[in-house]
């Protein structure tokens, strides 16, 4: 064993949940070490929809202006592209709050912004290329993490350990916490194609009998999510990339020869969709948040935002006890789960409804007629609830942690 280090909070995973929690705890004067197994945050085809609820959190942290300087695309309306053309489906113009749009921004830019601001606080430490692979146990309690980097294997002892290492969380598994599978009937094939003049201006959902795609406008290119039945990636590959290009061209004729930019399967990435959640998010000395506590479906694109909301709720509950010293009472960890479990369950049930009543039926050829998408915006309750649910979700959180330390100026940080 190499180094033995100590900190107040050890966080495994530098995704949205881990990075946002680390920032808020450091801001509140709590010593925190964030371990990220990769050398950087640059990974394509990650979820990166920043919804109004997260924009509000950034505003409360004083980061909204900096966020909006990052190149991004604002989407104020959700549209469905059927065989009859594009149908406006739901608009965010009338939802409450300051932010009435979804911002599409590369996740690596978002995470770089969060961690760079966390570095301004002397109680924050980010360790890259550090893979957390086990927990340190004292009886039934978790007292930190074991991790490996280029120099070997080390121990990071902590008052509180947080598993934020994603849907395949190793730390969750080593702590003997097992999620309950809710199920998903689909997987997603991600790929990108250059945008051209005359293309639709906004992101949209394409639905046709047997097929479904989501299209995200990245300004210079389209990022597509081609939705396939669960486990069908092998069958798709066997049919050949040329057959795949033909399907995409048939669904989106405006792409024309640009579909040839998908030259081989290496130009795609398959997301094996999981929807699950833990019955218990914690044990003594350990808390799970984000995908480690609940893997979300891509439906509604709210995964990042649920993770950020978890982090805000956790920071609000933990900052006081951690600053006072001593172990965090399990009652505090249980209170975080009680607060975040209802939004998780309600969101996953809504996702499961769409998966079973829309996506599964599309695979079976039972596609909703275009008239349905024209009718829904005319029903007042549905017209108002869908944008509110997408924009703010269930029980949006607000930053309650004080800024206990003065951050270093940007020039000094650099």
Protein backbone atom coordinates (compact mmCIF):
# COMPACT_ATOMS: atom_id res chain seq x y z
CA UNK A 1 0.00 0.00 0.00
CA UNK A 2 1.26 3.48 -0.91
CA UNK A 3 0.15 6.72 0.71
CA UNK A 4 -2.34 6.93 3.57
CA UNK A 5 -4.19 10.25 3.44
CA UNK A 6 -7.04 11.75 5.45
CA UNK A 7 -9.83 14.15 4.58
CA UNK A 8 -13.30 15.01 5.78
CA UNK A 9 -15.19 13.91 2.65
CA UNK A 10 -13.94 11.50 -0.02
CA UNK A 11 -15.97 11.48 -3.25
CA UNK A 12 -15.57 8.77 -5.88
CA UNK A 13 -16.53 10.03 -9.34
CA UNK A 14 -16.10 13.43 -10.98
CA UNK A 15 -19.41 13.50 -12.85
CA UNK A 16 -22.15 16.09 -12.29
CA UNK A 17 -23.19 14.69 -8.88
CA UNK A 18 -19.69 14.34 -7.43
CA UNK A 19 -18.32 17.60 -8.84
CA UNK A 20 -21.32 19.66 -7.75
CA UNK A 21 -21.29 18.21 -4.22
CA UNK A 22 -17.54 18.81 -3.92
CA UNK A 23 -17.91 22.44 -4.99
CA UNK A 24 -20.65 23.17 -2.47
CA UNK A 25 -18.90 21.47 0.44
CA UNK A 26 -15.59 23.22 -0.31
CA UNK A 27 -17.48 26.50 -0.59
CA UNK A 28 -18.93 25.84 2.88
CA UNK A 29 -15.47 25.27 4.34
CA UNK A 30 -15.50 21.46 4.39
CA UNK A 31 -12.36 19.59 3.39
CA UNK A 32 -13.14 17.39 0.38
CA UNK A 33 -11.14 15.22 -2.04
CA UNK A 34 -12.68 14.34 -5.40
CA UNK A 35 -11.30 11.27 -7.20
CA UNK A 36 -11.80 11.00 -10.97
CA UNK A 37 -10.48 7.90 -12.73
CA UNK A 38 -9.94 9.55 -16.14
CA UNK A 39 -7.23 12.02 -17.12
CA UNK A 40 -9.84 14.59 -18.21
CA UNK A 41 -13.60 15.02 -18.64
CA UNK A 42 -13.46 14.81 -22.44
CA UNK A 43 -15.79 11.96 -23.39
CA UNK A 44 -18.21 12.27 -26.31
CA UNK A 45 -21.87 11.22 -26.37
CA UNK A 46 -22.51 12.01 -22.73
CA UNK A 47 -25.75 13.51 -21.50
CA UNK A 48 -25.43 17.27 -21.41
CA UNK A 49 -28.85 18.89 -21.20
CA UNK A 50 -28.79 21.59 -18.53
CA UNK A 51 -32.39 22.26 -17.53
CA UNK A 52 -33.85 25.37 -15.83
CA UNK A 53 -33.60 23.72 -12.39
CA UNK A 54 -29.83 23.32 -12.78
CA UNK A 55 -29.46 26.79 -14.30
CA UNK A 56 -31.15 28.13 -11.16
CA UNK A 57 -28.67 26.27 -8.96
CA UNK A 58 -25.77 27.76 -10.96
CA UNK A 59 -27.35 31.18 -10.48
CA UNK A 60 -27.52 30.67 -6.72
CA UNK A 61 -23.84 29.68 -6.72
CA UNK A 62 -22.92 32.82 -8.66
CA UNK A 63 -21.91 30.80 -11.75
CA UNK A 64 -24.74 31.54 -14.18
CA UNK A 65 -22.87 34.28 -16.03
CA UNK A 66 -19.77 32.12 -16.40
CA UNK A 67 -21.86 29.18 -17.59
CA UNK A 68 -23.53 31.26 -20.29
CA UNK A 69 -20.13 32.27 -21.65
CA UNK A 70 -19.56 28.62 -22.58
CA UNK A 71 -20.71 27.96 -26.17
CA UNK A 72 -24.16 26.41 -25.87
CA UNK A 73 -27.48 26.06 -27.63
CA UNK A 74 -30.75 27.18 -26.03
CA UNK A 75 -33.88 25.14 -26.76
CA UNK A 76 -37.19 26.67 -25.76
CA UNK A 77 -39.55 24.27 -27.52
CA UNK A 78 -39.84 20.50 -27.82
CA UNK A 79 -40.91 19.31 -31.28
CA UNK A 80 -41.84 15.92 -32.72
CA UNK A 81 -40.98 15.09 -36.34
CA UNK A 82 -43.55 12.62 -37.72
CA UNK A 83 -44.04 11.31 -41.24
CA UNK A 84 -46.24 14.37 -41.81
CA UNK A 85 -43.59 16.87 -40.73
CA UNK A 86 -42.51 18.69 -37.56
CA UNK A 87 -45.18 19.20 -34.89
CA UNK A 88 -44.53 21.71 -32.04
CA UNK A 89 -45.18 19.72 -28.87
CA UNK A 90 -44.36 21.69 -25.72
CA UNK A 91 -42.81 25.08 -25.03
CA UNK A 92 -40.91 26.29 -21.97
CA UNK A 93 -41.78 29.97 -22.47
CA UNK A 94 -44.36 30.06 -19.69
CA UNK A 95 -42.71 28.01 -16.96
CA UNK A 96 -41.94 29.91 -13.73
CA UNK A 97 -38.50 31.19 -12.93
CA UNK A 98 -35.74 33.14 -14.61
CA UNK A 99 -34.64 30.43 -17.06
CA UNK A 100 -37.13 29.28 -19.68
CA UNK A 101 -34.97 27.04 -21.86
CA UNK A 102 -32.83 23.93 -21.85
CA UNK A 103 -29.15 24.64 -22.53
CA UNK A 104 -27.20 22.05 -24.52
CA UNK A 105 -23.53 22.25 -23.58
CA UNK A 106 -20.72 19.66 -23.77
CA UNK A 107 -20.56 17.93 -20.40
CA UNK A 108 -16.78 18.29 -20.24
CA UNK A 109 -17.15 22.10 -20.40
CA UNK A 110 -19.72 21.97 -17.61
CA UNK A 111 -17.53 19.77 -15.39
CA UNK A 112 -14.41 21.83 -16.09
CA UNK A 113 -16.28 24.95 -15.00
CA UNK A 114 -17.51 23.33 -11.76
CA UNK A 115 -14.13 21.87 -10.77
CA UNK A 116 -12.16 24.99 -11.73
CA UNK A 117 -14.38 27.03 -9.43
CA UNK A 118 -14.01 24.44 -6.67
CA UNK A 119 -10.22 24.82 -6.95
CA UNK A 120 -10.58 28.41 -5.80
CA UNK A 121 -11.31 27.09 -2.29
CA UNK A 122 -8.37 25.83 -0.20
CA UNK A 123 -10.41 22.91 1.20
CA UNK A 124 -10.89 21.28 -2.24
CA UNK A 125 -8.58 18.79 -3.91
CA UNK A 126 -9.13 17.09 -7.28
CA UNK A 127 -7.13 13.96 -8.08
CA UNK A 128 -7.30 12.84 -11.72
CA UNK A 129 -6.37 9.38 -12.99
CA UNK A 130 -7.37 8.09 -9.56
CA UNK A 131 -9.68 5.07 -9.71
CA UNK A 132 -11.50 4.27 -6.48
CA UNK A 133 -11.80 0.50 -6.33
CA UNK A 134 -12.80 -0.38 -2.75
CA UNK A 135 -14.01 1.05 0.54
CA UNK A 136 -12.14 1.09 3.85
CA UNK A 137 -14.19 -0.70 6.48
CA UNK A 138 -14.20 -0.52 10.25
CA UNK A 139 -16.71 -3.11 11.34
CA UNK A 140 -19.95 -2.23 9.51
CA UNK A 141 -18.88 1.37 8.86
CA UNK A 142 -17.18 2.83 5.78
CA UNK A 143 -14.21 5.03 6.63
CA UNK A 144 -12.83 6.02 3.25
CA UNK A 145 -11.66 4.75 -0.14
CA UNK A 146 -8.87 2.70 -1.62
CA UNK A 147 -7.76 4.03 -4.98
CA UNK A 148 -5.03 3.45 -7.53
CA UNK A 149 -3.12 5.88 -9.71
CA UNK A 150 0.13 5.83 -11.69
CA UNK A 151 2.13 5.64 -8.46
CA UNK A 152 0.33 2.63 -7.03
CA UNK A 153 -2.47 1.93 -4.54
CA UNK A 154 -3.38 4.31 -1.74
CA UNK A 155 -5.82 4.81 1.13
CA UNK A 156 -7.94 7.93 1.53
CA UNK A 157 -9.51 7.88 4.98
CA UNK A 158 -12.56 10.07 5.46
CA UNK A 159 -15.32 11.00 7.86
CA UNK A 160 -17.81 10.55 5.03
CA UNK A 161 -17.44 8.66 1.76
CA UNK A 162 -19.67 9.47 -1.22
CA UNK A 163 -20.25 7.10 -4.13
CA UNK A 164 -20.90 9.22 -7.22
CA UNK A 165 -19.17 6.88 -9.66
CA UNK A 166 -22.05 6.25 -12.03
CA UNK A 167 -24.61 3.61 -12.90
CA UNK A 168 -22.05 0.80 -12.70
CA UNK A 169 -20.74 2.08 -9.38
CA UNK A 170 -17.94 -0.09 -8.03
CA UNK A 171 -18.03 1.65 -4.66
CA UNK A 172 -21.73 0.89 -4.31
CA UNK A 173 -21.00 -2.74 -5.08
CA UNK A 174 -18.08 -2.96 -2.63
CA UNK A 175 -20.35 -1.53 0.05
CA UNK A 176 -22.85 -4.36 -0.65
CA UNK A 177 -25.61 -2.03 -1.84
CA UNK A 178 -27.59 -3.61 -4.70
CA UNK A 179 -30.03 -1.61 -6.88
CA UNK A 180 -33.47 -2.84 -7.88
CA UNK A 181 -33.82 -3.09 -11.66
CA UNK A 182 -36.87 -1.30 -13.05
CA UNK A 183 -36.18 -2.19 -16.65
CA UNK A 184 -35.85 -0.45 -20.00
CA UNK A 185 -37.02 -1.78 -23.39
CA UNK A 186 -34.36 0.06 -25.38
CA UNK A 187 -30.73 0.93 -25.92
CA UNK A 188 -29.34 3.95 -27.77
CA UNK A 189 -26.86 4.25 -30.64
CA UNK A 190 -25.17 7.67 -30.55
CA UNK A 191 -23.55 9.21 -33.62
CA UNK A 192 -22.93 12.62 -35.16
CA UNK A 193 -23.37 14.24 -38.59
CA UNK A 194 -22.46 17.75 -39.74
CA UNK A 195 -25.28 20.29 -39.90
CA UNK A 196 -26.11 21.96 -43.20
CA UNK A 197 -28.05 24.93 -44.54
CA UNK A 198 -31.77 24.31 -44.54
CA UNK A 199 -31.67 21.82 -41.64
CA UNK A 200 -34.31 22.18 -38.91
CA UNK A 201 -33.19 24.89 -36.46
CA UNK A 202 -33.95 23.10 -33.19
CA UNK A 203 -33.56 19.73 -31.53
CA UNK A 204 -36.41 17.30 -32.13
CA UNK A 205 -37.71 13.76 -31.71
CA UNK A 206 -38.26 11.69 -34.88
CA UNK A 207 -40.98 9.03 -34.72
CA UNK A 208 -41.99 6.66 -37.49
CA UNK A 209 -43.49 3.18 -37.51
CA UNK A 210 -40.87 0.91 -35.94
CA UNK A 211 -38.25 3.66 -35.51
CA UNK A 212 -37.39 6.49 -33.14
CA UNK A 213 -34.53 8.99 -33.02
CA UNK A 214 -33.64 12.06 -30.99
CA UNK A 215 -31.72 14.86 -32.73
CA UNK A 216 -29.70 17.40 -30.74
CA UNK A 217 -28.56 20.59 -32.46
CA UNK A 218 -24.85 21.13 -31.62
CA UNK A 219 -24.58 24.22 -33.84
CA UNK A 220 -21.94 22.78 -36.19
CA UNK A 221 -23.22 19.19 -36.08
CA UNK A 222 -26.16 17.00 -35.11
CA UNK A 223 -25.83 14.54 -32.27
CA UNK A 224 -28.28 11.71 -32.90
CA UNK A 225 -29.67 9.10 -30.55
CA UNK A 226 -30.97 6.20 -32.65
CA UNK A 227 -33.20 4.21 -30.30
CA UNK A 228 -33.18 0.42 -30.70
CA UNK A 229 -34.86 -2.47 -28.86
CA UNK A 230 -32.95 -3.69 -25.82
CA UNK A 231 -30.03 -5.90 -26.83
CA UNK A 232 -30.45 -5.27 -30.59
CA UNK A 233 -27.03 -3.66 -31.11
CA UNK A 234 -25.50 -6.96 -32.31
CA UNK A 235 -28.28 -7.50 -34.84
CA UNK A 236 -27.82 -3.94 -36.08
CA UNK A 237 -24.11 -4.51 -36.60
CA UNK A 238 -24.71 -7.77 -38.43
CA UNK A 239 -26.96 -5.95 -40.92
CA UNK A 240 -24.03 -3.68 -41.74
CA UNK A 241 -23.28 0.00 -41.42
CA UNK A 242 -24.59 0.69 -44.94
CA UNK A 243 -28.05 -0.63 -43.96
CA UNK A 244 -27.89 1.55 -40.85
CA UNK A 245 -27.10 4.62 -42.95
CA UNK A 246 -30.03 3.80 -45.25
CA UNK A 247 -32.40 3.67 -42.28
CA UNK A 248 -31.19 7.02 -40.99
CA UNK A 249 -31.44 8.59 -44.46
CA UNK A 250 -34.98 7.25 -44.79
CA UNK A 251 -36.00 8.80 -41.47
CA UNK A 252 -34.23 12.13 -42.12
CA UNK A 253 -34.05 12.73 -45.88
CA UNK A 254 -32.63 16.23 -45.38
CA UNK A 255 -29.32 14.64 -44.32
CA UNK A 256 -28.75 13.26 -47.82
CA UNK A 257 -25.20 12.02 -48.42
CA UNK A 258 -24.05 13.39 -45.05
CA UNK A 259 -25.03 10.09 -43.44
CA UNK A 260 -21.87 8.77 -45.13
CA UNK A 261 -19.95 10.50 -42.33
CA UNK A 262 -20.79 7.40 -40.29
CA UNK A 263 -18.11 5.37 -42.06
CA UNK A 264 -17.89 2.47 -39.61
CA UNK A 265 -19.31 1.30 -36.29
CA UNK A 266 -16.37 2.99 -34.58
CA UNK A 267 -18.12 6.27 -35.42
CA UNK A 268 -20.98 5.29 -33.09
CA UNK A 269 -21.33 4.60 -29.39
CA UNK A 270 -23.91 2.29 -27.80
CA UNK A 271 -25.55 3.28 -24.52
CA UNK A 272 -27.01 0.24 -22.78
CA UNK A 273 -29.91 1.86 -21.00
CA UNK A 274 -30.45 1.03 -17.34
CA UNK A 275 -33.25 2.19 -15.06
CA UNK A 276 -32.77 1.19 -11.43
CA UNK A 277 -32.55 2.56 -7.89
CA UNK A 278 -31.25 1.58 -4.51
CA UNK A 279 -33.70 0.73 -1.74
CA UNK A 280 -31.19 2.26 0.69
CA UNK A 281 -28.75 4.94 -0.44
CA UNK A 282 -26.50 4.83 2.59
CA UNK A 283 -24.79 2.91 5.34
CA UNK A 284 -22.72 4.21 8.21
CA UNK A 285 -20.09 6.56 6.76
CA UNK A 286 -21.30 6.19 3.14
CA UNK A 287 -23.81 7.96 0.88
CA UNK A 288 -24.71 7.19 -2.75
CA UNK A 289 -25.98 9.96 -5.05
CA UNK A 290 -26.64 10.48 -8.76
CA UNK A 291 -26.52 7.44 -11.02
CA UNK A 292 -24.89 5.42 -8.23
CA UNK A 293 -28.19 5.74 -6.35
CA UNK A 294 -30.56 5.71 -9.34
CA UNK A 295 -29.82 5.13 -13.01
CA UNK A 296 -32.22 7.17 -15.13
CA UNK A 297 -33.64 6.50 -18.59
CA UNK A 298 -32.68 8.98 -21.35
CA UNK A 299 -36.41 9.85 -21.57
CA UNK A 300 -36.81 13.60 -20.86
CA UNK A 301 -33.00 13.96 -20.70
CA UNK A 302 -33.06 14.71 -16.96
CA UNK A 303 -30.21 12.50 -15.71
CA UNK A 304 -27.73 15.34 -15.09
CA UNK A 305 -30.37 17.43 -13.41
CA UNK A 306 -31.43 14.69 -10.99
CA UNK A 307 -27.75 14.22 -10.13
CA UNK A 308 -27.27 17.94 -9.50
CA UNK A 309 -30.41 18.08 -7.36
CA UNK A 310 -29.10 15.15 -5.28
CA UNK A 311 -25.83 17.02 -4.76
CA UNK A 312 -27.58 20.21 -3.65
CA UNK A 313 -29.82 18.36 -1.20
CA UNK A 314 -26.84 16.43 0.17
CA UNK A 315 -24.72 19.56 0.61
CA UNK A 316 -27.56 21.37 2.37
CA UNK A 317 -27.91 18.53 4.87
CA UNK A 318 -24.22 17.66 5.31
CA UNK A 319 -22.37 20.98 5.51
CA UNK A 320 -23.39 21.74 9.11
CA UNK A 321 -22.65 18.30 10.65
CA UNK A 322 -19.35 18.02 8.74
CA UNK A 323 -18.13 21.42 9.89
CA UNK A 324 -18.95 20.52 13.48
CA UNK A 325 -16.73 17.43 13.21
CA UNK A 326 -17.28 13.81 14.09
CA UNK A 327 -19.14 11.12 12.13
CA UNK A 328 -22.25 12.11 10.20
CA UNK A 329 -25.30 10.60 11.95
CA UNK A 330 -27.06 7.99 9.87
CA UNK A 331 -30.26 9.97 10.49
CA UNK A 332 -28.80 12.79 8.36
CA UNK A 333 -27.97 10.39 5.53
CA UNK A 334 -31.45 8.88 5.79
CA UNK A 335 -32.98 12.36 5.62
CA UNK A 336 -31.18 13.02 2.30
CA UNK A 337 -32.62 9.81 0.86
CA UNK A 338 -36.12 10.61 2.13
CA UNK A 339 -35.98 13.98 0.40
CA UNK A 340 -34.62 12.73 -2.92
CA UNK A 341 -36.44 9.42 -3.21
CA UNK A 342 -39.88 10.86 -4.17
CA UNK A 343 -38.51 12.89 -7.13
CA UNK A 344 -36.54 9.83 -8.23
CA UNK A 345 -39.53 7.48 -8.07
CA UNK A 346 -41.94 9.91 -9.77
CA UNK A 347 -39.47 10.67 -12.56
CA UNK A 348 -38.64 7.02 -13.16
CA UNK A 349 -42.33 6.09 -13.22
CA UNK A 350 -42.96 8.82 -15.81
CA UNK A 351 -40.02 7.48 -17.83
CA UNK A 352 -41.33 3.94 -17.54
CA UNK A 353 -44.75 5.09 -18.77
CA UNK A 354 -43.17 6.64 -21.89
CA UNK A 355 -40.97 3.57 -22.41
CA UNK A 356 -43.92 1.17 -22.25
CA UNK A 357 -46.68 3.24 -23.81
CA UNK A 358 -44.73 5.03 -26.54
CA UNK A 359 -41.27 3.57 -27.23
CA UNK A 360 -42.21 -0.10 -26.94
CA UNK A 361 -45.28 0.48 -29.10
CA UNK A 362 -43.20 2.28 -31.72
CA UNK A 363 -40.94 -0.79 -31.92
CA UNK A 364 -44.08 -2.90 -32.46
CA UNK A 365 -45.22 -0.60 -35.28
CA UNK A 366 -48.03 0.99 -33.25
CA UNK A 367 -46.98 4.61 -33.71
CA UNK A 368 -49.18 7.39 -32.24
CA UNK A 369 -50.87 9.25 -35.09
CA UNK A 370 -49.54 12.76 -35.78
CA UNK A 371 -52.90 14.20 -34.68
CA UNK A 372 -52.06 13.16 -31.11
CA UNK A 373 -49.03 15.46 -31.06
CA UNK A 374 -51.14 18.31 -32.42
CA UNK A 375 -53.87 17.69 -29.83
CA UNK A 376 -51.75 17.44 -26.65
CA UNK A 377 -50.57 21.11 -26.69
CA UNK A 378 -54.23 22.15 -26.78
CA UNK A 379 -55.08 20.38 -23.51
CA UNK A 380 -54.38 23.03 -20.82
CA UNK A 381 -53.33 20.74 -17.96
CA UNK A 382 -51.00 18.62 -20.12
CA UNK A 383 -49.73 21.69 -21.97
CA UNK A 384 -48.66 23.26 -18.65
CA UNK A 385 -47.44 20.16 -16.81
CA UNK A 386 -45.09 18.72 -19.46
CA UNK A 387 -42.89 21.86 -19.71
CA UNK A 388 -42.88 22.24 -15.92
CA UNK A 389 -41.88 18.60 -15.44
CA UNK A 390 -39.12 18.81 -18.06
CA UNK A 391 -37.87 22.21 -16.91
CA UNK A 392 -37.94 21.98 -13.13
CA UNK A 393 -38.70 18.35 -12.37
CA UNK A 394 -40.15 17.24 -9.05
CA UNK A 395 -39.04 19.06 -5.89
CA UNK A 396 -36.27 21.28 -7.31
CA UNK A 397 -33.55 22.06 -4.76
CA UNK A 398 -32.04 25.42 -3.80
CA UNK A 399 -28.58 26.17 -2.44
CA UNK A 400 -28.72 26.66 1.35
CA UNK A 401 -25.03 26.19 2.12
CA UNK A 402 -23.24 29.43 3.06
CA UNK A 403 -20.07 30.56 1.35
CA UNK A 404 -17.86 30.20 4.43
CA UNK A 405 -14.54 30.83 2.67
CA UNK A 406 -13.39 33.60 0.36
CA UNK A 407 -12.46 32.04 -3.00
CA UNK A 408 -9.14 32.85 -4.58
CA UNK A 409 -9.31 35.29 -7.54
CA UNK A 410 -9.34 33.69 -10.96
CA UNK A 411 -5.85 34.98 -11.79
CA UNK A 412 -4.42 33.53 -8.56
CA UNK A 413 -6.19 30.23 -9.21
CA UNK A 414 -4.60 29.98 -12.64
